[in-house]
Amino acid sequence: GSKSEVYERNIDVPGVAAQAEGAAGY
């Protein structure tokens, strides 16, 4: 079942953004 820690995890947004830069073009 849904657990609070699943929704409260803290994603490394800058890291994911850097990975997406090539596809995004920015």
mmCIF file of all heavy atoms, coordinates in Angstrom:
data_MODEL
# 
_entry.id   MODEL 
# 
loop_
_atom_site.group_PDB 
_atom_site.id 
_atom_site.type_symbol 
_atom_site.label_atom_id 
_atom_site.label_alt_id 
_atom_site.label_comp_id 
_atom_site.label_asym_id 
_atom_site.label_entity_id 
_atom_site.label_seq_id 
_atom_site.pdbx_PDB_ins_code 
_atom_site.Cartn_x 
_atom_site.Cartn_y 
_atom_site.Cartn_z 
_atom_site.occupancy 
_atom_site.B_iso_or_equiv 
_atom_site.pdbx_formal_charge 
_atom_site.auth_seq_id 
_atom_site.auth_comp_id 
_atom_site.auth_asym_id 
_atom_site.auth_atom_id 
_atom_site.pdbx_PDB_model_num 
ATOM 1   N N   . GLY A 1 1  ? 0.813  -1.203 0.000   1.00 0.00 ? 1  GLY A N   1 
ATOM 2   C CA  . GLY A 1 1  ? 0.000  0.000  0.000   1.00 0.00 ? 1  GLY A CA  1 
ATOM 3   C C   . GLY A 1 1  ? 0.848  1.254  0.000   1.00 0.00 ? 1  GLY A C   1 
ATOM 4   O O   . GLY A 1 1  ? 2.045  1.220  0.264   1.00 0.00 ? 1  GLY A O   1 
ATOM 5   N N   . SER A 1 2  ? 0.204  2.379  -0.284  1.00 0.00 ? 2  SER A N   1 
ATOM 6   C CA  . SER A 1 2  ? 0.916  3.657  -0.330  1.00 0.00 ? 2  SER A CA  1 
ATOM 7   C C   . SER A 1 2  ? 1.531  3.960  1.033   1.00 0.00 ? 2  SER A C   1 
ATOM 8   O O   . SER A 1 2  ? 0.872  3.865  2.055   1.00 0.00 ? 2  SER A O   1 
ATOM 9   C CB  . SER A 1 2  ? -0.059 4.767  -0.704  1.00 0.00 ? 2  SER A CB  1 
ATOM 10  O OG  . SER A 1 2  ? -0.592 4.515  -1.972  1.00 0.00 ? 2  SER A OG  1 
ATOM 11  N N   . LYS A 1 3  ? 2.784  4.307  1.025   1.00 0.00 ? 3  LYS A N   1 
ATOM 12  C CA  . LYS A 1 3  ? 3.469  4.656  2.263   1.00 0.00 ? 3  LYS A CA  1 
ATOM 13  C C   . LYS A 1 3  ? 3.965  6.081  2.166   1.00 0.00 ? 3  LYS A C   1 
ATOM 14  O O   . LYS A 1 3  ? 4.374  6.541  1.106   1.00 0.00 ? 3  LYS A O   1 
ATOM 15  C CB  . LYS A 1 3  ? 4.644  3.702  2.497   1.00 0.00 ? 3  LYS A CB  1 
ATOM 16  C CG  . LYS A 1 3  ? 4.208  2.259  2.709   1.00 0.00 ? 3  LYS A CG  1 
ATOM 17  C CD  . LYS A 1 3  ? 5.403  1.358  2.958   1.00 0.00 ? 3  LYS A CD  1 
ATOM 18  C CE  . LYS A 1 3  ? 4.964  -0.078 3.156   1.00 0.00 ? 3  LYS A CE  1 
ATOM 19  N NZ  . LYS A 1 3  ? 6.109  -0.983 3.366   1.00 0.00 ? 3  LYS A NZ  1 
ATOM 20  N N   . SER A 1 4  ? 3.937  6.774  3.288   1.00 0.00 ? 4  SER A N   1 
ATOM 21  C CA  . SER A 1 4  ? 4.298  8.188  3.275   1.00 0.00 ? 4  SER A CA  1 
ATOM 22  C C   . SER A 1 4  ? 5.716  8.410  2.780   1.00 0.00 ? 4  SER A C   1 
ATOM 23  O O   . SER A 1 4  ? 5.987  9.378  2.087   1.00 0.00 ? 4  SER A O   1 
ATOM 24  C CB  . SER A 1 4  ? 4.132  8.778  4.681   1.00 0.00 ? 4  SER A CB  1 
ATOM 25  O OG  . SER A 1 4  ? 4.962  8.092  5.599   1.00 0.00 ? 4  SER A OG  1 
ATOM 26  N N   . GLU A 1 5  ? 6.644  7.474  3.110   1.00 0.00 ? 5  GLU A N   1 
ATOM 27  C CA  . GLU A 1 5  ? 8.025  7.710  2.698   1.00 0.00 ? 5  GLU A CA  1 
ATOM 28  C C   . GLU A 1 5  ? 8.190  7.665  1.187   1.00 0.00 ? 5  GLU A C   1 
ATOM 29  O O   . GLU A 1 5  ? 9.096  8.257  0.629   1.00 0.00 ? 5  GLU A O   1 
ATOM 30  C CB  . GLU A 1 5  ? 8.983  6.708  3.361   1.00 0.00 ? 5  GLU A CB  1 
ATOM 31  C CG  . GLU A 1 5  ? 8.711  5.264  3.051   1.00 0.00 ? 5  GLU A CG  1 
ATOM 32  C CD  . GLU A 1 5  ? 7.835  4.609  4.098   1.00 0.00 ? 5  GLU A CD  1 
ATOM 33  O OE1 . GLU A 1 5  ? 7.102  5.346  4.786   1.00 0.00 ? 5  GLU A OE1 1 
ATOM 34  O OE2 . GLU A 1 5  ? 7.877  3.383  4.233   1.00 0.00 ? 5  GLU A OE2 1 
ATOM 35  N N   . VAL A 1 6  ? 7.279  6.949  0.480   1.00 0.00 ? 6  VAL A N   1 
ATOM 36  C CA  . VAL A 1 6  ? 7.346  6.909  -0.975  1.00 0.00 ? 6  VAL A CA  1 
ATOM 37  C C   . VAL A 1 6  ? 7.072  8.293  -1.535  1.00 0.00 ? 6  VAL A C   1 
ATOM 38  O O   . VAL A 1 6  ? 7.703  8.744  -2.474  1.00 0.00 ? 6  VAL A O   1 
ATOM 39  C CB  . VAL A 1 6  ? 6.331  5.896  -1.532  1.00 0.00 ? 6  VAL A CB  1 
ATOM 40  C CG1 . VAL A 1 6  ? 6.270  5.984  -3.049  1.00 0.00 ? 6  VAL A CG1 1 
ATOM 41  C CG2 . VAL A 1 6  ? 6.695  4.479  -1.098  1.00 0.00 ? 6  VAL A CG2 1 
ATOM 42  N N   . TYR A 1 7  ? 6.107  8.988  -0.938  1.00 0.00 ? 7  TYR A N   1 
ATOM 43  C CA  . TYR A 1 7  ? 5.731  10.298 -1.436  1.00 0.00 ? 7  TYR A CA  1 
ATOM 44  C C   . TYR A 1 7  ? 6.621  11.409 -0.885  1.00 0.00 ? 7  TYR A C   1 
ATOM 45  O O   . TYR A 1 7  ? 6.662  12.489 -1.426  1.00 0.00 ? 7  TYR A O   1 
ATOM 46  C CB  . TYR A 1 7  ? 4.263  10.571 -1.097  1.00 0.00 ? 7  TYR A CB  1 
ATOM 47  C CG  . TYR A 1 7  ? 3.343  9.623  -1.815  1.00 0.00 ? 7  TYR A CG  1 
ATOM 48  C CD1 . TYR A 1 7  ? 2.822  8.510  -1.173  1.00 0.00 ? 7  TYR A CD1 1 
ATOM 49  C CD2 . TYR A 1 7  ? 3.036  9.811  -3.154  1.00 0.00 ? 7  TYR A CD2 1 
ATOM 50  C CE1 . TYR A 1 7  ? 2.000  7.620  -1.840  1.00 0.00 ? 7  TYR A CE1 1 
ATOM 51  C CE2 . TYR A 1 7  ? 2.221  8.931  -3.833  1.00 0.00 ? 7  TYR A CE2 1 
ATOM 52  C CZ  . TYR A 1 7  ? 1.694  7.834  -3.171  1.00 0.00 ? 7  TYR A CZ  1 
ATOM 53  O OH  . TYR A 1 7  ? 0.893  6.954  -3.837  1.00 0.00 ? 7  TYR A OH  1 
ATOM 54  N N   . GLU A 1 8  ? 7.312  11.136 0.195   1.00 0.00 ? 8  GLU A N   1 
ATOM 55  C CA  . GLU A 1 8  ? 8.130  12.165 0.806   1.00 0.00 ? 8  GLU A CA  1 
ATOM 56  C C   . GLU A 1 8  ? 9.607  12.058 0.434   1.00 0.00 ? 8  GLU A C   1 
ATOM 57  O O   . GLU A 1 8  ? 10.435 12.757 0.981   1.00 0.00 ? 8  GLU A O   1 
ATOM 58  C CB  . GLU A 1 8  ? 7.972  12.110 2.333   1.00 0.00 ? 8  GLU A CB  1 
ATOM 59  C CG  . GLU A 1 8  ? 6.580  12.495 2.780   1.00 0.00 ? 8  GLU A CG  1 
ATOM 60  C CD  . GLU A 1 8  ? 6.411  12.408 4.283   1.00 0.00 ? 8  GLU A CD  1 
ATOM 61  O OE1 . GLU A 1 8  ? 7.405  12.125 4.982   1.00 0.00 ? 8  GLU A OE1 1 
ATOM 62  O OE2 . GLU A 1 8  ? 5.295  12.635 4.745   1.00 0.00 ? 8  GLU A OE2 1 
ATOM 63  N N   . ARG A 1 9  ? 9.934  11.168 -0.487  1.00 0.00 ? 9  ARG A N   1 
ATOM 64  C CA  . ARG A 1 9  ? 11.335 11.052 -0.893  1.00 0.00 ? 9  ARG A CA  1 
ATOM 65  C C   . ARG A 1 9  ? 11.789 12.353 -1.538  1.00 0.00 ? 9  ARG A C   1 
ATOM 66  O O   . ARG A 1 9  ? 10.991 13.086 -2.105  1.00 0.00 ? 9  ARG A O   1 
ATOM 67  C CB  . ARG A 1 9  ? 11.487 9.896  -1.877  1.00 0.00 ? 9  ARG A CB  1 
ATOM 68  C CG  . ARG A 1 9  ? 10.637 10.055 -3.138  1.00 0.00 ? 9  ARG A CG  1 
ATOM 69  C CD  . ARG A 1 9  ? 10.697 8.830  -3.990  1.00 0.00 ? 9  ARG A CD  1 
ATOM 70  N NE  . ARG A 1 9  ? 9.815  8.979  -5.138  1.00 0.00 ? 9  ARG A NE  1 
ATOM 71  C CZ  . ARG A 1 9  ? 9.646  8.052  -6.059  1.00 0.00 ? 9  ARG A CZ  1 
ATOM 72  N NH1 . ARG A 1 9  ? 10.292 6.918  -5.962  1.00 0.00 ? 9  ARG A NH1 1 
ATOM 73  N NH2 . ARG A 1 9  ? 8.836  8.249  -7.065  1.00 0.00 ? 9  ARG A NH2 1 
ATOM 74  N N   . ASN A 1 10 ? 13.063 12.634 -1.437  1.00 0.00 ? 10 ASN A N   1 
ATOM 75  C CA  . ASN A 1 10 ? 13.599 13.888 -1.972  1.00 0.00 ? 10 ASN A CA  1 
ATOM 76  C C   . ASN A 1 10 ? 14.462 13.586 -3.193  1.00 0.00 ? 10 ASN A C   1 
ATOM 77  O O   . ASN A 1 10 ? 15.566 13.076 -3.070  1.00 0.00 ? 10 ASN A O   1 
ATOM 78  C CB  . ASN A 1 10 ? 14.403 14.621 -0.887  1.00 0.00 ? 10 ASN A CB  1 
ATOM 79  C CG  . ASN A 1 10 ? 14.598 16.085 -1.225  1.00 0.00 ? 10 ASN A CG  1 
ATOM 80  O OD1 . ASN A 1 10 ? 13.867 16.630 -2.043  1.00 0.00 ? 10 ASN A OD1 1 
ATOM 81  N ND2 . ASN A 1 10 ? 15.570 16.712 -0.621  1.00 0.00 ? 10 ASN A ND2 1 
ATOM 82  N N   . ILE A 1 11 ? 13.933 13.901 -4.362  1.00 0.00 ? 11 ILE A N   1 
ATOM 83  C CA  . ILE A 1 11 ? 14.612 13.612 -5.621  1.00 0.00 ? 11 ILE A CA  1 
ATOM 84  C C   . ILE A 1 11 ? 15.730 14.633 -5.872  1.00 0.00 ? 11 ILE A C   1 
ATOM 85  O O   . ILE A 1 11 ? 15.599 15.817 -5.550  1.00 0.00 ? 11 ILE A O   1 
ATOM 86  C CB  . ILE A 1 11 ? 13.596 13.654 -6.786  1.00 0.00 ? 11 ILE A CB  1 
ATOM 87  C CG1 . ILE A 1 11 ? 12.497 12.613 -6.571  1.00 0.00 ? 11 ILE A CG1 1 
ATOM 88  C CG2 . ILE A 1 11 ? 14.273 13.444 -8.125  1.00 0.00 ? 11 ILE A CG2 1 
ATOM 89  C CD1 . ILE A 1 11 ? 12.983 11.187 -6.570  1.00 0.00 ? 11 ILE A CD1 1 
ATOM 90  N N   . ASP A 1 12 ? 16.796 14.176 -6.486  1.00 0.00 ? 12 ASP A N   1 
ATOM 91  C CA  . ASP A 1 12 ? 17.897 15.068 -6.895  1.00 0.00 ? 12 ASP A CA  1 
ATOM 92  C C   . ASP A 1 12 ? 17.487 15.740 -8.208  1.00 0.00 ? 12 ASP A C   1 
ATOM 93  O O   . ASP A 1 12 ? 17.832 15.274 -9.295  1.00 0.00 ? 12 ASP A O   1 
ATOM 94  C CB  . ASP A 1 12 ? 19.175 14.253 -7.072  1.00 0.00 ? 12 ASP A CB  1 
ATOM 95  C CG  . ASP A 1 12 ? 20.334 15.092 -7.614  1.00 0.00 ? 12 ASP A CG  1 
ATOM 96  O OD1 . ASP A 1 12 ? 20.261 16.340 -7.538  1.00 0.00 ? 12 ASP A OD1 1 
ATOM 97  O OD2 . ASP A 1 12 ? 21.303 14.493 -8.132  1.00 0.00 ? 12 ASP A OD2 1 
ATOM 98  N N   . VAL A 1 13 ? 16.730 16.815 -8.097  1.00 0.00 ? 13 VAL A N   1 
ATOM 99  C CA  . VAL A 1 13 ? 16.200 17.497 -9.287  1.00 0.00 ? 13 VAL A CA  1 
ATOM 100 C C   . VAL A 1 13 ? 17.316 18.022 -10.192 1.00 0.00 ? 13 VAL A C   1 
ATOM 101 O O   . VAL A 1 13 ? 17.266 17.824 -11.416 1.00 0.00 ? 13 VAL A O   1 
ATOM 102 C CB  . VAL A 1 13 ? 15.224 18.624 -8.889  1.00 0.00 ? 13 VAL A CB  1 
ATOM 103 C CG1 . VAL A 1 13 ? 14.693 19.349 -10.134 1.00 0.00 ? 13 VAL A CG1 1 
ATOM 104 C CG2 . VAL A 1 13 ? 14.055 18.052 -8.094  1.00 0.00 ? 13 VAL A CG2 1 
ATOM 105 N N   . PRO A 1 14 ? 18.359 18.690 -9.668  1.00 0.00 ? 14 PRO A N   1 
ATOM 106 C CA  . PRO A 1 14 ? 19.433 19.160 -10.559 1.00 0.00 ? 14 PRO A CA  1 
ATOM 107 C C   . PRO A 1 14 ? 20.083 18.013 -11.335 1.00 0.00 ? 14 PRO A C   1 
ATOM 108 O O   . PRO A 1 14 ? 20.420 18.163 -12.511 1.00 0.00 ? 14 PRO A O   1 
ATOM 109 C CB  . PRO A 1 14 ? 20.419 19.823 -9.604  1.00 0.00 ? 14 PRO A CB  1 
ATOM 110 C CG  . PRO A 1 14 ? 19.601 20.230 -8.425  1.00 0.00 ? 14 PRO A CG  1 
ATOM 111 C CD  . PRO A 1 14 ? 18.567 19.158 -8.277  1.00 0.00 ? 14 PRO A CD  1 
ATOM 112 N N   . GLY A 1 15 ? 20.261 16.868 -10.686 1.00 0.00 ? 15 GLY A N   1 
ATOM 113 C CA  . GLY A 1 15 ? 20.868 15.726 -11.366 1.00 0.00 ? 15 GLY A CA  1 
ATOM 114 C C   . GLY A 1 15 ? 20.003 15.210 -12.500 1.00 0.00 ? 15 GLY A C   1 
ATOM 115 O O   . GLY A 1 15 ? 20.495 14.921 -13.598 1.00 0.00 ? 15 GLY A O   1 
ATOM 116 N N   . VAL A 1 16 ? 18.687 15.092 -12.239 1.00 0.00 ? 16 VAL A N   1 
ATOM 117 C CA  . VAL A 1 16 ? 17.769 14.615 -13.278 1.00 0.00 ? 16 VAL A CA  1 
ATOM 118 C C   . VAL A 1 16 ? 17.670 15.650 -14.397 1.00 0.00 ? 16 VAL A C   1 
ATOM 119 O O   . VAL A 1 16 ? 17.599 15.312 -15.580 1.00 0.00 ? 16 VAL A O   1 
ATOM 120 C CB  . VAL A 1 16 ? 16.378 14.315 -12.690 1.00 0.00 ? 16 VAL A CB  1 
ATOM 121 C CG1 . VAL A 1 16 ? 15.429 13.807 -13.776 1.00 0.00 ? 16 VAL A CG1 1 
ATOM 122 C CG2 . VAL A 1 16 ? 16.474 13.301 -11.562 1.00 0.00 ? 16 VAL A CG2 1 
ATOM 123 N N   . ALA A 1 17 ? 17.681 16.943 -14.030 1.00 0.00 ? 17 ALA A N   1 
ATOM 124 C CA  . ALA A 1 17 ? 17.608 18.011 -15.037 1.00 0.00 ? 17 ALA A CA  1 
ATOM 125 C C   . ALA A 1 17 ? 18.825 17.961 -15.962 1.00 0.00 ? 17 ALA A C   1 
ATOM 126 O O   . ALA A 1 17 ? 18.698 18.137 -17.181 1.00 0.00 ? 17 ALA A O   1 
ATOM 127 C CB  . ALA A 1 17 ? 17.512 19.371 -14.349 1.00 0.00 ? 17 ALA A CB  1 
ATOM 128 N N   . ALA A 1 18 ? 19.991 17.715 -15.387 1.00 0.00 ? 18 ALA A N   1 
ATOM 129 C CA  . ALA A 1 18 ? 21.216 17.626 -16.200 1.00 0.00 ? 18 ALA A CA  1 
ATOM 130 C C   . ALA A 1 18 ? 21.123 16.464 -17.184 1.00 0.00 ? 18 ALA A C   1 
ATOM 131 O O   . ALA A 1 18 ? 21.570 16.577 -18.332 1.00 0.00 ? 18 ALA A O   1 
ATOM 132 C CB  . ALA A 1 18 ? 22.428 17.468 -15.283 1.00 0.00 ? 18 ALA A CB  1 
ATOM 133 N N   . GLN A 1 19 ? 20.527 15.363 -16.733 1.00 0.00 ? 19 GLN A N   1 
ATOM 134 C CA  . GLN A 1 19 ? 20.359 14.205 -17.621 1.00 0.00 ? 19 GLN A CA  1 
ATOM 135 C C   . GLN A 1 19 ? 19.363 14.501 -18.739 1.00 0.00 ? 19 GLN A C   1 
ATOM 136 O O   . GLN A 1 19 ? 19.478 13.991 -19.847 1.00 0.00 ? 19 GLN A O   1 
ATOM 137 C CB  . GLN A 1 19 ? 19.885 12.992 -16.819 1.00 0.00 ? 19 GLN A CB  1 
ATOM 138 C CG  . GLN A 1 19 ? 20.911 12.478 -15.825 1.00 0.00 ? 19 GLN A CG  1 
ATOM 139 C CD  . GLN A 1 19 ? 20.348 11.384 -14.924 1.00 0.00 ? 19 GLN A CD  1 
ATOM 140 O OE1 . GLN A 1 19 ? 19.203 10.969 -15.071 1.00 0.00 ? 19 GLN A OE1 1 
ATOM 141 N NE2 . GLN A 1 19 ? 21.164 10.917 -13.990 1.00 0.00 ? 19 GLN A NE2 1 
ATOM 142 N N   . ALA A 1 20 ? 18.374 15.350 -18.448 1.00 0.00 ? 20 ALA A N   1 
ATOM 143 C CA  . ALA A 1 20 ? 17.331 15.652 -19.433 1.00 0.00 ? 20 ALA A CA  1 
ATOM 144 C C   . ALA A 1 20 ? 17.729 16.758 -20.403 1.00 0.00 ? 20 ALA A C   1 
ATOM 145 O O   . ALA A 1 20 ? 17.048 16.978 -21.407 1.00 0.00 ? 20 ALA A O   1 
ATOM 146 C CB  . ALA A 1 20 ? 16.037 16.057 -18.708 1.00 0.00 ? 20 ALA A CB  1 
ATOM 147 N N   . GLU A 1 21 ? 18.828 17.450 -20.132 1.00 0.00 ? 21 GLU A N   1 
ATOM 148 C CA  . GLU A 1 21 ? 19.223 18.602 -20.946 1.00 0.00 ? 21 GLU A CA  1 
ATOM 149 C C   . GLU A 1 21 ? 19.393 18.240 -22.417 1.00 0.00 ? 21 GLU A C   1 
ATOM 150 O O   . GLU A 1 21 ? 18.984 19.000 -23.306 1.00 0.00 ? 21 GLU A O   1 
ATOM 151 C CB  . GLU A 1 21 ? 20.502 19.226 -20.392 1.00 0.00 ? 21 GLU A CB  1 
ATOM 152 C CG  . GLU A 1 21 ? 20.915 20.485 -21.133 1.00 0.00 ? 21 GLU A CG  1 
ATOM 153 C CD  . GLU A 1 21 ? 22.126 21.157 -20.505 1.00 0.00 ? 21 GLU A CD  1 
ATOM 154 O OE1 . GLU A 1 21 ? 22.754 20.557 -19.603 1.00 0.00 ? 21 GLU A OE1 1 
ATOM 155 O OE2 . GLU A 1 21 ? 22.463 22.288 -20.932 1.00 0.00 ? 21 GLU A OE2 1 
ATOM 156 N N   . GLY A 1 22 ? 19.995 17.104 -22.687 1.00 0.00 ? 22 GLY A N   1 
ATOM 157 C CA  . GLY A 1 22 ? 20.206 16.718 -24.084 1.00 0.00 ? 22 GLY A CA  1 
ATOM 158 C C   . GLY A 1 22 ? 18.908 16.553 -24.846 1.00 0.00 ? 22 GLY A C   1 
ATOM 159 O O   . GLY A 1 22 ? 18.781 17.001 -25.993 1.00 0.00 ? 22 GLY A O   1 
ATOM 160 N N   . ALA A 1 23 ? 17.915 15.931 -24.227 1.00 0.00 ? 23 ALA A N   1 
ATOM 161 C CA  . ALA A 1 23 ? 16.621 15.727 -24.883 1.00 0.00 ? 23 ALA A CA  1 
ATOM 162 C C   . ALA A 1 23 ? 15.839 17.032 -24.973 1.00 0.00 ? 23 ALA A C   1 
ATOM 163 O O   . ALA A 1 23 ? 15.148 17.284 -25.959 1.00 0.00 ? 23 ALA A O   1 
ATOM 164 C CB  . ALA A 1 23 ? 15.809 14.676 -24.125 1.00 0.00 ? 23 ALA A CB  1 
ATOM 165 N N   . ALA A 1 24 ? 15.958 17.865 -23.939 1.00 0.00 ? 24 ALA A N   1 
ATOM 166 C CA  . ALA A 1 24 ? 15.178 19.099 -23.905 1.00 0.00 ? 24 ALA A CA  1 
ATOM 167 C C   . ALA A 1 24 ? 15.736 20.167 -24.832 1.00 0.00 ? 24 ALA A C   1 
ATOM 168 O O   . ALA A 1 24 ? 14.990 20.964 -25.410 1.00 0.00 ? 24 ALA A O   1 
ATOM 169 C CB  . ALA A 1 24 ? 15.134 19.639 -22.468 1.00 0.00 ? 24 ALA A CB  1 
ATOM 170 N N   . GLY A 1 25 ? 17.050 20.218 -24.972 1.00 0.00 ? 25 GLY A N   1 
ATOM 171 C CA  . GLY A 1 25 ? 17.657 21.288 -25.756 1.00 0.00 ? 25 GLY A CA  1 
ATOM 172 C C   . GLY A 1 25 ? 17.916 22.519 -24.914 1.00 0.00 ? 25 GLY A C   1 
ATOM 173 O O   . GLY A 1 25 ? 18.366 23.545 -25.410 1.00 0.00 ? 25 GLY A O   1 
ATOM 174 N N   . TYR A 1 26 ? 17.638 22.442 -23.623 1.00 0.00 ? 26 TYR A N   1 
ATOM 175 C CA  . TYR A 1 26 ? 17.917 23.507 -22.664 1.00 0.00 ? 26 TYR A CA  1 
ATOM 176 C C   . TYR A 1 26 ? 18.027 22.846 -21.300 1.00 0.00 ? 26 TYR A C   1 
ATOM 177 O O   . TYR A 1 26 ? 17.601 21.691 -21.111 1.00 0.00 ? 26 TYR A O   1 
ATOM 178 C CB  . TYR A 1 26 ? 16.810 24.574 -22.656 1.00 0.00 ? 26 TYR A CB  1 
ATOM 179 C CG  . TYR A 1 26 ? 15.423 24.034 -22.343 1.00 0.00 ? 26 TYR A CG  1 
ATOM 180 C CD1 . TYR A 1 26 ? 14.956 23.943 -21.023 1.00 0.00 ? 26 TYR A CD1 1 
ATOM 181 C CD2 . TYR A 1 26 ? 14.569 23.603 -23.357 1.00 0.00 ? 26 TYR A CD2 1 
ATOM 182 C CE1 . TYR A 1 26 ? 13.700 23.444 -20.737 1.00 0.00 ? 26 TYR A CE1 1 
ATOM 183 C CE2 . TYR A 1 26 ? 13.308 23.105 -23.080 1.00 0.00 ? 26 TYR A CE2 1 
ATOM 184 C CZ  . TYR A 1 26 ? 12.870 23.029 -21.771 1.00 0.00 ? 26 TYR A CZ  1 
ATOM 185 O OH  . TYR A 1 26 ? 11.617 22.529 -21.488 1.00 0.00 ? 26 TYR A OH  1 
# 
